[in-house]
Structure formats: structure tokens, C-alpha cells
Amino acid sequence: MIKLDIVNAIVQKTNITRTKAEQAVETVFEAMKTALGRGQRIELRRFGVFNVKPRKTGIGRNPRTGQQVNIPPGKAVRFKPGKELQALPAPASKN
């Protein structure tokens, strides 16, 4: 699923214009990015929680050369699904 699929679902369900639906989706995503950028937690009831966790300094390897590379500390966005999302059935295998 891509952002366009979300916009199309909003248009079909609410009968608002595509432009307004795109603006609504963009506004929500921008608000989420801003909040996460400030280190705030985003809790969407019955869906899940987004939060920012610090990432430690580490040592990695360049897969091509095998040379060690220092990985600087940073921040990573984490998502923890809510109970309703966890209760979804697993997708069928494609094999």
C-alpha cells in the first residue's frame, strides 16, 4: 500500500475531493514527522504507538571490502502495534 492508496480510500469513503484528501493525508504525515522529530510519542488507539529511541554507537562492516566502519549514535523510529493490529490473521504464504 502506498500513500495514493490511502488517499483513494478516503475519497471513496467520504466523497470529498481528491485534492482535499491529499491535503488531509499530507497534513497528518507532516504532523507525525514533526512530533517524532521533537522526540514525542504518537499513540493511535487501537492501532499502535510510534516513538523515537536512541541508537547506540557501534562498529559495522562494509560488505564489499570487509573494512570496519564506525556507526555514529543516532535516533530510530520504532512502532509497536496495538492489540487489534496484532490480532490480524497472518497473510497467506505465496509458495
N, C-alpha and C. Protein backbone atom coordinates (compact mmCIF):
# COMPACT_ATOMS: atom_id res chain seq x y z
N MET A 1 0.84 -1.18 0.00
CA MET A 1 0.00 0.00 0.00
C MET A 1 0.89 1.24 0.00
N ILE A 2 0.51 2.21 -0.79
CA ILE A 2 1.24 3.46 -0.86
C ILE A 2 0.31 4.61 -0.47
N LYS A 3 0.88 5.80 -0.36
CA LYS A 3 0.11 6.96 0.07
C LYS A 3 -1.11 7.19 -0.83
N LEU A 4 -0.95 6.97 -2.13
CA LEU A 4 -2.05 7.16 -3.07
C LEU A 4 -3.23 6.24 -2.74
N ASP A 5 -2.94 5.01 -2.29
CA ASP A 5 -4.00 4.09 -1.90
C ASP A 5 -4.79 4.63 -0.71
N ILE A 6 -4.10 5.26 0.22
CA ILE A 6 -4.77 5.86 1.38
C ILE A 6 -5.65 7.01 0.92
N VAL A 7 -5.13 7.86 0.04
CA VAL A 7 -5.91 8.98 -0.49
C VAL A 7 -7.15 8.45 -1.20
N ASN A 8 -7.00 7.42 -2.03
CA ASN A 8 -8.13 6.87 -2.77
C ASN A 8 -9.18 6.29 -1.82
N ALA A 9 -8.75 5.64 -0.74
CA ALA A 9 -9.70 5.09 0.24
C ALA A 9 -10.49 6.21 0.91
N ILE A 10 -9.83 7.32 1.22
CA ILE A 10 -10.52 8.46 1.84
C ILE A 10 -11.53 9.04 0.86
N VAL A 11 -11.14 9.19 -0.40
CA VAL A 11 -12.05 9.75 -1.41
C VAL A 11 -13.29 8.87 -1.54
N GLN A 12 -13.11 7.56 -1.61
CA GLN A 12 -14.24 6.64 -1.76
C GLN A 12 -15.15 6.63 -0.55
N LYS A 13 -14.56 6.66 0.63
CA LYS A 13 -15.35 6.52 1.85
C LYS A 13 -16.06 7.82 2.24
N THR A 14 -15.46 8.98 1.94
CA THR A 14 -16.01 10.25 2.42
C THR A 14 -16.61 11.12 1.33
N ASN A 15 -16.36 10.79 0.07
CA ASN A 15 -16.84 11.58 -1.07
C ASN A 15 -16.33 13.01 -1.06
N ILE A 16 -15.12 13.24 -0.48
CA ILE A 16 -14.50 14.56 -0.60
C ILE A 16 -13.61 14.55 -1.83
N THR A 17 -13.16 15.70 -2.25
CA THR A 17 -12.34 15.77 -3.46
C THR A 17 -10.96 15.14 -3.21
N ARG A 18 -10.35 14.70 -4.29
CA ARG A 18 -9.02 14.10 -4.20
C ARG A 18 -8.01 15.10 -3.63
N THR A 19 -8.14 16.36 -4.03
CA THR A 19 -7.22 17.39 -3.55
C THR A 19 -7.32 17.54 -2.04
N LYS A 20 -8.53 17.59 -1.51
CA LYS A 20 -8.72 17.73 -0.06
C LYS A 20 -8.23 16.48 0.66
N ALA A 21 -8.44 15.31 0.08
CA ALA A 21 -7.97 14.07 0.70
C ALA A 21 -6.44 14.05 0.73
N GLU A 22 -5.79 14.48 -0.36
CA GLU A 22 -4.33 14.54 -0.40
C GLU A 22 -3.81 15.52 0.66
N GLN A 23 -4.48 16.67 0.80
CA GLN A 23 -4.08 17.65 1.81
C GLN A 23 -4.22 17.06 3.21
N ALA A 24 -5.30 16.34 3.44
CA ALA A 24 -5.53 15.74 4.76
C ALA A 24 -4.44 14.72 5.09
N VAL A 25 -4.12 13.86 4.15
CA VAL A 25 -3.10 12.83 4.37
C VAL A 25 -1.74 13.49 4.59
N GLU A 26 -1.40 14.46 3.77
CA GLU A 26 -0.12 15.17 3.92
C GLU A 26 -0.03 15.86 5.27
N THR A 27 -1.14 16.48 5.70
CA THR A 27 -1.17 17.17 6.99
C THR A 27 -0.92 16.20 8.14
N VAL A 28 -1.56 15.04 8.08
CA VAL A 28 -1.36 14.03 9.13
C VAL A 28 0.09 13.56 9.16
N PHE A 29 0.64 13.25 7.99
CA PHE A 29 2.02 12.76 7.94
C PHE A 29 3.01 13.83 8.40
N GLU A 30 2.79 15.08 8.01
CA GLU A 30 3.68 16.16 8.43
C GLU A 30 3.62 16.36 9.93
N ALA A 31 2.41 16.28 10.50
CA ALA A 31 2.27 16.42 11.96
C ALA A 31 2.99 15.28 12.67
N MET A 32 2.92 14.08 12.13
CA MET A 32 3.60 12.93 12.73
C MET A 32 5.11 13.11 12.64
N LYS A 33 5.62 13.53 11.48
CA LYS A 33 7.06 13.75 11.32
C LYS A 33 7.57 14.81 12.27
N THR A 34 6.81 15.89 12.41
CA THR A 34 7.20 16.97 13.31
C THR A 34 7.27 16.48 14.75
N ALA A 35 6.24 15.75 15.17
CA ALA A 35 6.21 15.25 16.55
C ALA A 35 7.36 14.28 16.80
N LEU A 36 7.62 13.37 15.88
CA LEU A 36 8.72 12.43 16.05
C LEU A 36 10.06 13.15 16.03
N GLY A 37 10.17 14.18 15.21
CA GLY A 37 11.39 14.98 15.16
C GLY A 37 11.70 15.66 16.48
N ARG A 38 10.65 15.97 17.24
CA ARG A 38 10.81 16.58 18.56
C ARG A 38 10.96 15.52 19.65
N GLY A 39 10.95 14.24 19.24
CA GLY A 39 11.11 13.16 20.21
C GLY A 39 9.82 12.79 20.93
N GLN A 40 8.68 13.26 20.42
CA GLN A 40 7.41 12.97 21.06
C GLN A 40 6.89 11.59 20.65
N ARG A 41 6.07 11.04 21.49
CA ARG A 41 5.44 9.73 21.27
C ARG A 41 4.11 9.96 20.58
N ILE A 42 3.77 9.12 19.60
CA ILE A 42 2.49 9.20 18.91
C ILE A 42 1.71 7.93 19.21
N GLU A 43 0.58 8.08 19.88
CA GLU A 43 -0.25 6.93 20.24
C GLU A 43 -1.56 7.01 19.47
N LEU A 44 -1.81 6.02 18.62
CA LEU A 44 -3.04 5.92 17.86
C LEU A 44 -3.83 4.74 18.43
N ARG A 45 -4.83 5.04 19.23
CA ARG A 45 -5.59 4.00 19.92
C ARG A 45 -6.08 2.94 18.94
N ARG A 46 -5.97 1.69 19.36
CA ARG A 46 -6.39 0.51 18.61
C ARG A 46 -5.54 0.28 17.35
N PHE A 47 -4.49 1.09 17.14
CA PHE A 47 -3.59 0.89 16.01
C PHE A 47 -2.18 0.61 16.49
N GLY A 48 -1.59 1.55 17.23
CA GLY A 48 -0.24 1.33 17.73
C GLY A 48 0.41 2.60 18.20
N VAL A 49 1.69 2.48 18.56
CA VAL A 49 2.45 3.60 19.12
C VAL A 49 3.75 3.75 18.34
N PHE A 50 4.04 4.99 17.93
CA PHE A 50 5.31 5.34 17.32
C PHE A 50 6.12 6.10 18.36
N ASN A 51 7.40 5.78 18.51
CA ASN A 51 8.25 6.58 19.38
C ASN A 51 9.67 6.57 18.85
N VAL A 52 10.47 7.48 19.36
CA VAL A 52 11.86 7.63 18.92
C VAL A 52 12.76 7.07 20.01
N LYS A 53 13.65 6.16 19.63
CA LYS A 53 14.59 5.56 20.56
C LYS A 53 16.01 5.95 20.15
N PRO A 54 16.87 6.19 21.14
CA PRO A 54 18.27 6.47 20.79
C PRO A 54 18.95 5.21 20.28
N ARG A 55 19.85 5.39 19.32
CA ARG A 55 20.60 4.27 18.77
C ARG A 55 22.05 4.43 19.21
N LYS A 56 22.63 3.35 19.72
CA LYS A 56 23.99 3.39 20.24
C LYS A 56 25.04 3.48 19.13
N THR A 57 26.21 3.92 19.52
CA THR A 57 27.37 3.88 18.63
C THR A 57 27.75 2.42 18.43
N GLY A 58 28.21 2.10 17.26
CA GLY A 58 28.60 0.71 17.03
C GLY A 58 29.67 0.62 15.96
N ILE A 59 30.07 -0.60 15.71
CA ILE A 59 31.05 -0.87 14.67
C ILE A 59 30.40 -1.83 13.69
N GLY A 60 30.40 -1.43 12.42
CA GLY A 60 29.85 -2.28 11.38
C GLY A 60 30.93 -2.65 10.40
N ARG A 61 30.54 -3.36 9.36
CA ARG A 61 31.50 -3.74 8.32
C ARG A 61 30.94 -3.37 6.96
N ASN A 62 31.83 -2.86 6.12
CA ASN A 62 31.47 -2.61 4.74
C ASN A 62 31.38 -3.98 4.06
N PRO A 63 30.21 -4.35 3.53
CA PRO A 63 30.07 -5.69 2.95
C PRO A 63 30.96 -5.95 1.74
N ARG A 64 31.35 -4.92 1.03
CA ARG A 64 32.19 -5.10 -0.16
C ARG A 64 33.65 -5.31 0.20
N THR A 65 34.15 -4.50 1.15
CA THR A 65 35.57 -4.54 1.46
C THR A 65 35.88 -5.29 2.75
N GLY A 66 34.88 -5.46 3.61
CA GLY A 66 35.11 -6.10 4.90
C GLY A 66 35.73 -5.15 5.91
N GLN A 67 35.97 -3.92 5.51
CA GLN A 67 36.59 -2.92 6.39
C GLN A 67 35.62 -2.50 7.49
N GLN A 68 36.15 -2.31 8.71
CA GLN A 68 35.32 -1.87 9.82
C GLN A 68 34.94 -0.41 9.63
N VAL A 69 33.71 -0.09 10.00
CA VAL A 69 33.18 1.27 9.87
C VAL A 69 32.54 1.66 11.19
N ASN A 70 32.85 2.86 11.69
CA ASN A 70 32.19 3.35 12.89
C ASN A 70 30.80 3.83 12.55
N ILE A 71 29.81 3.39 13.34
CA ILE A 71 28.43 3.82 13.16
C ILE A 71 28.14 4.84 14.25
N PRO A 72 27.82 6.08 13.87
CA PRO A 72 27.59 7.12 14.87
C PRO A 72 26.27 6.90 15.62
N PRO A 73 26.16 7.45 16.83
CA PRO A 73 24.89 7.34 17.54
C PRO A 73 23.82 8.13 16.79
N GLY A 74 22.60 7.74 16.96
CA GLY A 74 21.51 8.43 16.27
C GLY A 74 20.19 8.11 16.93
N LYS A 75 19.14 8.31 16.17
CA LYS A 75 17.80 8.03 16.66
C LYS A 75 17.09 7.17 15.64
N ALA A 76 16.22 6.29 16.13
CA ALA A 76 15.46 5.42 15.25
C ALA A 76 13.99 5.46 15.66
N VAL A 77 13.11 5.49 14.68
CA VAL A 77 11.67 5.46 14.95
C VAL A 77 11.25 4.01 15.10
N ARG A 78 10.53 3.72 16.15
CA ARG A 78 10.03 2.38 16.43
C ARG A 78 8.52 2.39 16.43
N PHE A 79 7.92 1.28 16.03
CA PHE A 79 6.47 1.13 16.03
C PHE A 79 6.10 -0.11 16.81
N LYS A 80 5.17 0.04 17.73
CA LYS A 80 4.65 -1.10 18.49
C LYS A 80 3.17 -1.21 18.17
N PRO A 81 2.76 -2.30 17.50
CA PRO A 81 1.35 -2.42 17.11
C PRO A 81 0.44 -2.59 18.32
N GLY A 82 -0.79 -2.07 18.19
CA GLY A 82 -1.80 -2.24 19.22
C GLY A 82 -2.39 -3.64 19.17
N LYS A 83 -3.23 -3.96 20.13
CA LYS A 83 -3.81 -5.30 20.23
C LYS A 83 -4.63 -5.68 19.01
N GLU A 84 -5.43 -4.73 18.49
CA GLU A 84 -6.25 -5.05 17.31
C GLU A 84 -5.39 -5.34 16.10
N LEU A 85 -4.30 -4.62 15.95
CA LEU A 85 -3.41 -4.85 14.81
C LEU A 85 -2.67 -6.19 14.97
N GLN A 86 -2.30 -6.53 16.19
CA GLN A 86 -1.63 -7.80 16.43
C GLN A 86 -2.55 -8.98 16.19
N ALA A 87 -3.86 -8.76 16.36
CA ALA A 87 -4.83 -9.85 16.22
C ALA A 87 -5.18 -10.16 14.76
N LEU A 88 -4.65 -9.39 13.83
CA LEU A 88 -4.93 -9.66 12.41
C LEU A 88 -4.36 -11.01 12.03
N PRO A 89 -5.07 -11.74 11.16
CA PRO A 89 -4.52 -13.04 10.73
C PRO A 89 -3.27 -12.84 9.87
N ALA A 90 -2.37 -13.78 9.94
CA ALA A 90 -1.15 -13.72 9.14
C ALA A 90 -1.50 -13.88 7.66
N PRO A 91 -0.79 -13.16 6.78
CA PRO A 91 -1.07 -13.30 5.33
C PRO A 91 -0.69 -14.70 4.87
N ALA A 92 -1.42 -15.16 3.86
CA ALA A 92 -1.17 -16.49 3.32
C ALA A 92 0.19 -16.52 2.62
N SER A 93 0.87 -17.61 2.72
CA SER A 93 2.16 -17.79 2.07
C SER A 93 2.00 -17.82 0.56
N LYS A 94 2.99 -17.27 -0.17
CA LYS A 94 2.92 -17.22 -1.64
C LYS A 94 3.51 -18.46 -2.28
N ASN A 95 3.97 -19.42 -1.51
CA ASN A 95 4.57 -20.63 -2.09
C ASN A 95 3.55 -21.65 -2.45
